[in-house]
Amino acid sequence: MIRLRLAIALFVASAYGASAMLGSVVPQPGVFYVSNYSAQGAHTDYDLARQAADAWAAANTLGGSVLVLKPTVNQTCDAVPLPSLSSQGTTSIIGYGSGVSSIVKSAACAASSATLSHQDAIGPLSRGLYQGFTVDANHIDLAACELYGMALTTFIDVACGDAAANGDHEAEFGNHDANSVGWMDNIYLYDLKTFDSSATGSGAVLTPVWSGGALAGALTVNPGSSAYSSYARAQIVGPDLYTCSTIPTLTLTLGANSLVSGAVVTAPGSCSSTALLYILVQDGPPVAYSAKFSNMADSHVWGLQATNSTTYGIGWLSGSNNNSIYNEVPSANQVIQITDNANGNRHVNTTFYDLGEFGASITSQNGTFQNPTFEWNSNSFLNASGYYFGNDPRVFHDWMVETSHCNNTTQEFLPVTLRAGPVANGGSLPSGVNLRNIEACDGSNAVYWIAGAP
């Protein structure tokens, strides 16, 4: 109870600033407890508590409301968006920790766009506090979390996951209005985690077999150490992919104990160089982004974790500018672990773990990665590249990557790839791309692009 009172006090302080601490009269939020409600028909206790909290917020648009979850599973059927009132008030949600309290989509209910959402706002942006719970779409809703149209909002220890297969994202922050209505700014994210809880295989390694630039087959080097699911898939990746006029495709085959037994070539493709092409094996429901940021600017993020095998682990899309991002960890062989298409983002102490094709894909004009680290499971590592500068070279104005480390080594690791192909260690870079002290990760202990070197 003391912890909940502190959280509510934090909400009041964050929403109303110094005036809340100096004795000024500020609107007090209504507080509602899921445990005080009982399910009625298709509406769960959480749904009815949300209805009451949302109604209070609508009637008290400055103070808003706070919903306190049960310290267990809180089922939802309605998946109603949080109030977007064109005022700073909305419904905040507080739980007992992401490993204790959860909001889970009921299996008997119809799919919706997101299990927990806040829509774009016209006018003043909503302010809230979201702390200590997991949102589980139960592979029914298209996303777990979609938070748009907010400002000066804090998220602490929140997890979002289990989106339906072929969804766009597990969680998205920002807006999807073409005119940037609902632009998100001054958001504070602490320990956000995106995930999928499905049982998945791991450890499989396949080697492509080439014939005259066409994919002829795949040799199984390692069938894996745990059973793969029906979502298991494979694709050709690597720095030489730019040489392919048509990209080869293949389908995995599973053998005894659902381990990988090989692959069937579905399109041989045509590539002029195949030395740096590999087969990436993934498993779990396919989703485009684990964590996606669209038009979220001037915000602060600490400890972001993207833990499921998606196309993009973390996406900083155009309009998500000038964010300070500390200790983000994509960690599940995503094809591209972090894509940064926005300007002015500062990534500090990033850990790229078990990267698929590229650690970071950089297509914006300016930004920084400071003190990043690469680490992988040596038994199943693909020969990936650290940084992919994938835009027209004339686009880059001031991109800096400095003091890049490796906790593992392999002779095939390539620190940098451009749109025109890999760059030799210490080689020339486009104007506006600045590298300083980049470890080679090839076992040589070499450091390239040394600061101050001629």
Protein backbone atom coordinates (compact mmCIF):
# COMPACT_ATOMS: atom_id res chain seq x y z
CA MET A 1 0.00 0.00 0.00
CA ILE A 2 2.84 2.40 0.82
CA ARG A 3 4.38 1.66 -2.58
CA LEU A 4 1.09 2.43 -4.34
CA ARG A 5 0.69 5.69 -2.45
CA LEU A 6 4.21 6.68 -3.47
CA ALA A 7 3.42 5.87 -7.09
CA ILE A 8 0.27 8.00 -6.99
CA ALA A 9 2.25 10.83 -5.41
CA LEU A 10 4.79 10.50 -8.23
CA PHE A 11 1.98 10.75 -10.76
CA VAL A 12 0.67 13.96 -9.19
CA ALA A 13 4.18 15.42 -9.05
CA SER A 14 5.00 14.50 -12.66
CA ALA A 15 1.69 15.80 -13.98
CA TYR A 16 1.69 19.12 -12.16
CA GLY A 17 5.36 19.83 -11.60
CA ALA A 18 6.72 21.87 -8.74
CA SER A 19 3.31 23.23 -7.74
CA ALA A 20 2.40 19.76 -6.45
CA MET A 21 5.32 19.90 -4.03
CA LEU A 22 4.89 23.49 -2.87
CA GLY A 23 1.46 23.28 -1.34
CA SER A 24 -0.52 24.70 -4.26
CA VAL A 25 -3.98 23.30 -4.79
CA VAL A 26 -3.82 20.78 -7.62
CA PRO A 27 -6.49 18.44 -8.96
CA GLN A 28 -6.36 15.04 -7.27
CA PRO A 29 -6.89 11.92 -9.36
CA GLY A 30 -9.67 9.50 -8.59
CA VAL A 31 -8.25 6.13 -7.49
CA PHE A 32 -9.93 2.88 -8.54
CA TYR A 33 -8.99 -0.71 -7.62
CA VAL A 34 -9.69 -3.64 -9.93
CA SER A 35 -10.12 -5.82 -6.83
CA ASN A 36 -13.25 -3.84 -5.90
CA TYR A 37 -15.10 -4.96 -9.05
CA SER A 38 -16.64 -8.22 -10.24
CA ALA A 39 -17.05 -9.48 -13.79
CA GLN A 40 -20.44 -9.00 -15.46
CA GLY A 41 -21.14 -10.92 -18.65
CA ALA A 42 -18.36 -10.38 -21.16
CA HIS A 43 -16.93 -7.48 -19.12
CA THR A 44 -14.14 -8.50 -16.76
CA ASP A 45 -13.43 -6.92 -13.40
CA TYR A 46 -10.62 -4.95 -15.06
CA ASP A 47 -12.96 -3.76 -17.81
CA LEU A 48 -15.52 -2.47 -15.29
CA ALA A 49 -12.84 -0.81 -13.18
CA ARG A 50 -11.51 0.85 -16.32
CA GLN A 51 -15.00 2.08 -17.19
CA ALA A 52 -15.29 3.74 -13.79
CA ALA A 53 -11.77 5.20 -13.93
CA ASP A 54 -12.24 6.45 -17.48
CA ALA A 55 -15.57 8.09 -16.58
CA TRP A 56 -13.92 9.89 -13.66
CA ALA A 57 -11.12 11.10 -15.96
CA ALA A 58 -13.65 12.39 -18.48
CA ALA A 59 -15.47 14.32 -15.74
CA ASN A 60 -12.22 15.57 -14.16
CA THR A 61 -10.09 16.36 -17.13
CA LEU A 62 -7.28 18.01 -15.19
CA GLY A 63 -6.85 15.44 -12.43
CA GLY A 64 -7.58 12.28 -14.37
CA SER A 65 -7.72 8.94 -12.58
CA VAL A 66 -5.48 6.11 -11.40
CA LEU A 67 -6.35 2.44 -11.84
CA VAL A 68 -4.65 -0.01 -9.47
CA LEU A 69 -4.30 -3.54 -10.83
CA LYS A 70 -4.56 -6.77 -8.87
CA PRO A 71 -1.22 -8.46 -8.04
CA THR A 72 -2.05 -11.23 -10.51
CA VAL A 73 -3.58 -11.63 -14.00
CA ASN A 74 -6.10 -8.91 -14.92
CA GLN A 75 -8.12 -10.24 -17.85
CA THR A 76 -9.59 -7.82 -20.39
CA CYS A 77 -12.15 -8.34 -23.10
CA ASP A 78 -13.03 -4.76 -24.04
CA ALA A 79 -9.52 -3.44 -24.88
CA VAL A 80 -10.99 0.09 -24.82
CA PRO A 81 -8.46 2.88 -25.49
CA LEU A 82 -7.44 5.08 -22.57
CA PRO A 83 -9.30 8.42 -22.55
CA SER A 84 -7.92 10.96 -25.02
CA LEU A 85 -9.64 14.09 -23.74
CA SER A 86 -7.68 16.95 -25.34
CA SER A 87 -6.66 17.78 -21.80
CA GLN A 88 -3.81 16.61 -19.60
CA GLY A 89 -5.99 14.17 -17.70
CA THR A 90 -6.39 10.49 -18.61
CA THR A 91 -6.38 7.14 -16.78
CA SER A 92 -3.02 6.13 -15.31
CA ILE A 93 -2.35 2.47 -14.41
CA ILE A 94 -0.25 1.11 -11.56
CA GLY A 95 0.56 -2.54 -10.84
CA TYR A 96 2.73 -4.49 -8.45
CA GLY A 97 5.58 -5.11 -10.90
CA SER A 98 5.76 -6.46 -14.45
CA GLY A 99 6.42 -9.95 -13.08
CA VAL A 100 3.35 -9.80 -10.82
CA SER A 101 0.53 -7.75 -12.38
CA SER A 102 -0.54 -8.32 -15.98
CA ILE A 103 -3.28 -7.16 -18.34
CA VAL A 104 -4.08 -10.15 -20.56
CA LYS A 105 -6.47 -10.30 -23.50
CA SER A 106 -9.11 -12.93 -22.80
CA ALA A 107 -9.00 -15.83 -25.23
CA ALA A 108 -12.77 -15.73 -25.75
CA CYS A 109 -12.84 -12.13 -27.00
CA ALA A 110 -12.62 -10.54 -30.42
CA ALA A 111 -9.34 -9.15 -31.71
CA SER A 112 -8.63 -5.42 -31.51
CA SER A 113 -5.82 -3.18 -32.69
CA ALA A 114 -4.08 -3.17 -29.28
CA THR A 115 -4.68 -4.53 -25.81
CA LEU A 116 -3.70 -1.23 -24.16
CA SER A 117 -3.83 1.98 -26.19
CA HIS A 118 -4.15 5.75 -26.10
CA GLN A 119 -5.20 7.47 -29.30
CA ASP A 120 -3.86 10.59 -31.01
CA ALA A 121 -4.94 13.82 -29.32
CA ILE A 122 -6.07 17.11 -30.84
CA GLY A 123 -5.09 19.94 -28.53
CA PRO A 124 -3.35 19.44 -25.15
CA LEU A 125 -1.67 16.07 -24.80
CA SER A 126 -2.53 13.60 -22.07
CA ARG A 127 -0.20 13.07 -19.11
CA GLY A 128 -0.06 9.86 -17.11
CA LEU A 129 1.95 7.31 -15.17
CA TYR A 130 2.17 3.62 -16.11
CA GLN A 131 4.12 1.45 -13.72
CA GLY A 132 4.67 -2.15 -12.77
CA PHE A 133 2.70 -4.40 -15.15
CA THR A 134 2.82 -6.54 -18.29
CA VAL A 135 0.43 -6.18 -21.23
CA ASP A 136 -0.13 -9.52 -22.99
CA ALA A 137 -2.03 -9.50 -26.28
CA ASN A 138 -2.31 -13.30 -26.02
CA HIS A 139 -1.62 -13.57 -29.79
CA ILE A 140 -5.12 -12.18 -30.40
CA ASP A 141 -4.73 -8.40 -30.66
CA LEU A 142 -2.57 -6.94 -33.41
CA ALA A 143 -0.36 -5.25 -30.80
CA ALA A 144 0.03 -5.23 -27.05
CA CYS A 145 0.67 -1.50 -26.50
CA GLU A 146 -0.05 1.54 -28.69
CA LEU A 147 0.53 4.81 -26.86
CA TYR A 148 -0.07 7.95 -28.92
CA GLY A 149 -0.87 11.58 -28.16
CA MET A 150 0.90 11.93 -24.79
CA ALA A 151 3.49 14.23 -23.21
CA LEU A 152 5.27 14.44 -19.86
CA THR A 153 4.29 10.81 -19.30
CA THR A 154 6.33 8.22 -17.42
CA PHE A 155 6.50 4.45 -17.98
CA ILE A 156 8.33 2.37 -15.36
CA ASP A 157 8.77 -1.42 -15.49
CA VAL A 158 6.19 -2.05 -18.23
CA ALA A 159 6.34 -5.02 -20.61
CA CYS A 160 4.37 -5.39 -23.86
CA GLY A 161 4.17 -8.54 -25.94
CA ASP A 162 2.49 -11.54 -27.54
CA ALA A 163 1.05 -9.62 -30.51
CA ALA A 164 -0.75 -11.65 -33.16
CA ALA A 165 1.40 -13.21 -35.87
CA ASN A 166 2.18 -10.89 -38.80
CA GLY A 167 1.47 -7.79 -36.73
CA ASP A 168 3.45 -4.61 -37.22
CA HIS A 169 4.73 -4.24 -33.64
CA GLU A 170 4.53 -5.41 -30.05
CA ALA A 171 4.58 -1.81 -28.81
CA GLU A 172 4.50 1.58 -30.52
CA PHE A 173 4.95 5.03 -29.04
CA GLY A 174 4.27 8.23 -30.98
CA ASN A 175 1.42 8.93 -33.38
CA HIS A 176 0.17 7.88 -36.78
CA ASP A 177 -1.29 11.20 -37.89
CA ALA A 178 0.21 12.54 -41.11
CA ASN A 179 0.28 16.08 -39.72
CA SER A 180 1.96 15.00 -36.48
CA VAL A 181 -1.17 15.67 -34.42
CA GLY A 182 -0.47 13.89 -31.15
CA TRP A 183 3.29 14.32 -31.38
CA MET A 184 4.78 12.68 -28.28
CA ASP A 185 7.43 14.59 -26.36
CA ASN A 186 9.07 14.49 -22.96
CA ILE A 187 8.29 10.82 -22.46
CA TYR A 188 10.27 8.97 -19.79
CA LEU A 189 10.67 5.22 -20.31
CA TYR A 190 12.37 3.11 -17.66
CA ASP A 191 12.90 -0.62 -18.24
CA LEU A 192 10.39 -1.13 -21.04
CA LYS A 193 10.48 -4.70 -22.38
CA THR A 194 8.92 -6.11 -25.54
CA PHE A 195 8.56 -9.87 -25.87
CA ASP A 196 6.87 -12.98 -27.19
CA SER A 197 6.32 -15.83 -24.76
CA SER A 198 5.97 -18.62 -27.34
CA ALA A 199 8.25 -21.63 -27.04
CA THR A 200 10.83 -21.32 -29.82
CA GLY A 201 13.77 -23.26 -31.17
CA SER A 202 17.35 -22.10 -31.01
CA GLY A 203 20.84 -22.99 -32.16
CA ALA A 204 20.19 -24.11 -35.74
CA VAL A 205 22.88 -23.24 -38.29
CA LEU A 206 22.56 -23.70 -42.06
CA THR A 207 25.19 -22.99 -44.70
CA PRO A 208 24.05 -21.92 -48.18
CA VAL A 209 25.19 -23.85 -51.23
CA TRP A 210 25.69 -21.70 -54.33
CA SER A 211 25.87 -22.50 -58.01
CA GLY A 212 26.86 -19.65 -60.31
CA GLY A 213 25.36 -17.00 -58.06
CA ALA A 214 22.12 -18.91 -57.53
CA LEU A 215 21.09 -20.64 -54.31
CA ALA A 216 21.21 -24.38 -54.91
CA GLY A 217 20.57 -25.71 -51.40
CA ALA A 218 21.51 -25.58 -47.73
CA LEU A 219 23.69 -27.77 -45.55
CA THR A 220 22.66 -28.32 -41.94
CA VAL A 221 25.64 -27.56 -39.73
CA ASN A 222 23.66 -27.71 -36.48
CA PRO A 223 20.00 -28.82 -36.26
CA GLY A 224 19.49 -26.77 -33.10
CA SER A 225 19.29 -27.47 -29.40
CA SER A 226 15.55 -27.04 -28.82
CA ALA A 227 12.39 -27.76 -30.81
CA TYR A 228 11.31 -25.28 -33.48
CA SER A 229 7.71 -24.19 -33.96
CA SER A 230 5.51 -23.84 -37.03
CA TYR A 231 6.71 -20.23 -37.24
CA ALA A 232 10.33 -21.25 -37.90
CA ARG A 233 11.66 -19.48 -40.98
CA ALA A 234 14.88 -18.72 -42.81
CA GLN A 235 16.17 -16.02 -45.13
CA ILE A 236 19.33 -15.02 -46.94
CA VAL A 237 21.10 -12.08 -45.28
CA GLY A 238 24.52 -10.48 -45.33
CA PRO A 239 26.59 -7.57 -46.61
CA ASP A 240 26.67 -9.01 -50.16
CA LEU A 241 22.88 -8.88 -50.49
CA TYR A 242 23.23 -5.63 -52.45
CA THR A 243 24.76 -7.67 -55.31
CA CYS A 244 21.59 -9.73 -55.79
CA SER A 245 19.38 -8.65 -58.68
CA THR A 246 16.79 -11.07 -57.27
CA ILE A 247 17.01 -12.30 -53.68
CA PRO A 248 17.05 -16.06 -53.09
CA THR A 249 14.39 -17.51 -50.81
CA LEU A 250 14.06 -20.80 -48.96
CA THR A 251 11.77 -22.68 -46.58
CA LEU A 252 12.98 -24.61 -43.54
CA THR A 253 12.29 -28.29 -43.11
CA LEU A 254 11.95 -29.81 -39.64
CA GLY A 255 12.88 -33.36 -38.78
CA ALA A 256 12.95 -35.48 -35.64
CA ASN A 257 12.02 -33.62 -32.44
CA SER A 258 11.17 -30.57 -34.55
CA LEU A 259 14.83 -29.75 -35.07
CA VAL A 260 16.00 -28.24 -38.36
CA SER A 261 16.82 -30.89 -40.95
CA GLY A 262 17.46 -28.67 -43.96
CA ALA A 263 15.76 -26.22 -46.31
CA VAL A 264 13.97 -26.20 -49.65
CA VAL A 265 14.97 -23.51 -52.15
CA THR A 266 11.83 -21.69 -53.28
CA ALA A 267 13.62 -19.14 -55.50
CA PRO A 268 17.30 -19.49 -56.46
CA GLY A 269 17.83 -15.76 -56.99
CA SER A 270 20.77 -14.20 -58.76
CA CYS A 271 23.75 -12.69 -56.93
CA SER A 272 27.07 -11.56 -58.35
CA SER A 273 28.87 -12.07 -55.02
CA THR A 274 27.98 -14.73 -52.45
CA ALA A 275 31.01 -14.79 -50.14
CA LEU A 276 29.22 -12.67 -47.52
CA LEU A 277 25.75 -14.18 -47.72
CA TYR A 278 24.36 -16.37 -44.94
CA ILE A 279 21.17 -18.07 -43.81
CA LEU A 280 19.41 -16.49 -40.85
CA VAL A 281 17.08 -18.83 -38.93
CA GLN A 282 14.35 -17.28 -36.79
CA ASP A 283 11.42 -18.62 -34.80
CA GLY A 284 8.34 -17.26 -33.07
CA PRO A 285 5.30 -15.41 -34.46
CA PRO A 286 6.61 -13.03 -37.15
CA VAL A 287 6.22 -9.34 -36.23
CA ALA A 288 7.86 -6.42 -38.02
CA TYR A 289 9.00 -4.38 -34.97
CA SER A 290 9.46 -5.44 -31.40
CA ALA A 291 9.52 -1.81 -30.16
CA LYS A 292 8.57 1.01 -32.54
CA PHE A 293 8.84 4.76 -32.06
CA SER A 294 7.02 7.06 -34.49
CA ASN A 295 7.17 10.80 -33.87
CA MET A 296 8.31 10.51 -30.26
CA ALA A 297 10.78 13.33 -29.71
CA ASP A 298 12.86 14.99 -26.99
CA SER A 299 12.39 12.03 -24.67
CA HIS A 300 14.50 9.85 -22.39
CA VAL A 301 14.72 6.06 -22.45
CA TRP A 302 16.61 3.77 -20.06
CA GLY A 303 17.02 -0.01 -20.23
CA LEU A 304 14.83 -0.75 -23.26
CA GLN A 305 14.83 -4.49 -24.07
CA ALA A 306 13.57 -6.03 -27.32
CA THR A 307 13.58 -9.78 -26.80
CA ASN A 308 11.67 -11.49 -29.61
CA SER A 309 12.86 -12.52 -33.06
CA THR A 310 11.43 -9.85 -35.35
CA THR A 311 12.51 -8.06 -38.51
CA TYR A 312 13.49 -4.94 -36.51
CA GLY A 313 14.25 -5.10 -32.82
CA ILE A 314 13.93 -1.39 -32.06
CA GLY A 315 12.78 1.15 -34.65
CA TRP A 316 13.44 4.88 -34.29
CA LEU A 317 11.46 6.12 -37.26
CA SER A 318 11.41 9.48 -38.99
CA GLY A 319 10.13 12.13 -36.58
CA SER A 320 11.45 10.41 -33.46
CA ASN A 321 14.20 12.99 -33.07
CA ASN A 322 16.55 14.17 -30.32
CA ASN A 323 15.99 11.33 -27.89
CA SER A 324 18.49 10.24 -25.23
CA ILE A 325 18.59 6.44 -25.12
CA TYR A 326 20.63 4.58 -22.52
CA ASN A 327 21.40 0.86 -22.18
CA GLU A 328 19.04 -0.44 -24.87
CA VAL A 329 19.42 -4.18 -25.51
CA PRO A 330 18.01 -5.91 -28.62
CA SER A 331 18.69 -9.57 -27.95
CA ALA A 332 16.97 -12.09 -30.22
CA ASN A 333 18.70 -12.34 -33.64
CA GLN A 334 16.46 -9.72 -35.19
CA VAL A 335 17.38 -9.11 -38.84
CA ILE A 336 18.20 -5.49 -37.93
CA GLN A 337 18.46 -4.96 -34.22
CA ILE A 338 18.16 -1.16 -34.20
CA THR A 339 17.10 1.01 -37.12
CA ASP A 340 17.53 4.76 -36.71
CA ASN A 341 15.79 6.84 -39.35
CA ALA A 342 15.49 9.97 -37.19
CA ASN A 343 17.88 12.82 -36.44
CA GLY A 344 19.72 13.75 -33.28
CA ASN A 345 19.25 10.52 -31.33
CA ARG A 346 21.95 9.70 -28.81
CA HIS A 347 22.41 5.98 -28.08
CA VAL A 348 24.64 5.36 -25.05
CA ASN A 349 25.93 1.97 -23.81
CA THR A 350 23.89 -0.09 -26.28
CA THR A 351 24.37 -3.87 -26.17
CA PHE A 352 23.74 -5.72 -29.44
CA TYR A 353 23.19 -9.34 -28.45
CA ASP A 354 22.84 -12.19 -30.99
CA LEU A 355 22.45 -9.91 -33.99
CA GLY A 356 21.02 -11.34 -37.20
CA GLU A 357 22.17 -9.35 -40.23
CA PHE A 358 23.10 -5.90 -38.86
CA GLY A 359 23.39 -4.47 -35.40
CA ALA A 360 22.37 -0.94 -36.38
CA SER A 361 20.91 0.31 -39.66
CA ILE A 362 21.54 4.05 -39.90
CA THR A 363 19.70 6.10 -42.52
CA SER A 364 19.27 9.50 -40.86
CA GLN A 365 21.44 12.61 -41.19
CA ASN A 366 22.96 12.75 -37.73
CA GLY A 367 23.12 11.00 -34.36
CA THR A 368 25.50 9.01 -32.17
CA PHE A 369 26.24 5.56 -30.79
CA GLN A 370 28.56 5.94 -27.80
CA ASN A 371 30.27 2.97 -26.16
CA PRO A 372 28.21 0.18 -27.80
CA THR A 373 29.06 -3.51 -27.30
CA PHE A 374 28.53 -6.58 -29.50
CA GLU A 375 27.98 -9.99 -27.93
CA TRP A 376 26.66 -13.29 -29.23
CA ASN A 377 26.21 -16.99 -28.66
CA SER A 378 29.29 -18.42 -30.37
CA ASN A 379 27.53 -21.71 -31.18
CA SER A 380 25.01 -20.16 -33.55
CA PHE A 381 26.38 -16.77 -34.53
CA LEU A 382 25.88 -15.57 -38.09
CA ASN A 383 28.69 -13.63 -39.67
CA ALA A 384 26.94 -10.31 -39.39
CA SER A 385 27.96 -6.67 -39.71
CA GLY A 386 27.93 -4.13 -36.93
CA TYR A 387 26.81 -0.88 -38.56
CA TYR A 388 24.99 -0.44 -41.85
CA PHE A 389 25.00 3.09 -43.25
CA GLY A 390 22.26 2.41 -45.76
CA ASN A 391 21.39 5.80 -47.22
CA ASP A 392 22.72 7.80 -50.14
CA PRO A 393 26.16 8.96 -48.90
CA ARG A 394 25.17 12.58 -49.51
CA VAL A 395 22.51 12.31 -46.79
CA PHE A 396 24.90 11.96 -43.86
CA HIS A 397 25.87 15.20 -42.13
CA ASP A 398 27.20 14.28 -38.70
CA TRP A 399 26.85 10.63 -37.65
CA MET A 400 29.29 9.45 -34.98
CA VAL A 401 30.01 5.94 -33.69
CA GLU A 402 32.72 5.87 -31.07
CA THR A 403 34.42 3.31 -28.82
CA SER A 404 32.66 0.20 -30.12
CA HIS A 405 33.54 -2.99 -28.23
CA CYS A 406 33.21 -6.75 -28.73
CA ASN A 407 32.76 -9.42 -26.06
CA ASN A 408 33.09 -12.18 -28.69
CA THR A 409 35.17 -12.57 -31.82
CA THR A 410 34.89 -14.21 -35.21
CA GLN A 411 37.06 -13.76 -38.28
CA GLU A 412 34.01 -13.06 -40.42
CA PHE A 413 32.61 -10.10 -38.45
CA LEU A 414 32.45 -6.86 -40.47
CA PRO A 415 32.30 -3.65 -38.47
CA VAL A 416 30.87 -1.42 -41.22
CA THR A 417 28.80 -1.88 -44.38
CA LEU A 418 27.62 0.83 -46.76
CA ARG A 419 24.87 0.67 -49.35
CA ALA A 420 27.57 -0.15 -51.89
CA GLY A 421 28.97 -2.99 -49.79
CA PRO A 422 31.37 -3.66 -46.91
CA VAL A 423 34.12 -1.22 -45.94
CA ALA A 424 37.57 -2.62 -45.28
CA ASN A 425 38.77 -2.09 -41.74
CA GLY A 426 40.01 1.48 -41.53
CA GLY A 427 38.74 2.26 -45.04
CA SER A 428 37.23 5.48 -46.34
CA LEU A 429 33.74 6.52 -45.28
CA PRO A 430 31.12 8.88 -46.69
CA SER A 431 31.50 12.51 -45.73
CA GLY A 432 29.52 13.09 -42.56
CA VAL A 433 30.13 9.58 -41.14
CA ASN A 434 32.65 9.66 -38.31
CA LEU A 435 33.99 6.52 -36.62
CA ARG A 436 36.38 6.51 -33.69
CA ASN A 437 38.01 3.53 -32.01
CA ILE A 438 36.04 0.64 -33.49
CA GLU A 439 37.14 -2.85 -32.44
CA ALA A 440 37.42 -5.29 -35.33
CA CYS A 441 35.78 -8.22 -33.45
CA ASP A 442 37.85 -10.61 -35.58
CA GLY A 443 40.14 -11.93 -32.86
CA SER A 444 43.02 -9.63 -33.81
CA ASN A 445 42.38 -7.11 -31.00
CA ALA A 446 42.76 -4.47 -33.68
CA VAL A 447 41.10 -1.08 -33.32
CA TYR A 448 40.27 0.88 -36.46
CA TRP A 449 39.45 4.49 -37.23
CA ILE A 450 41.51 5.50 -34.21
CA ALA A 451 40.78 9.00 -32.95
CA GLY A 452 43.61 11.37 -33.87
CA ALA A 453 45.22 8.94 -36.34
CA PRO A 454 46.21 10.35 -39.74
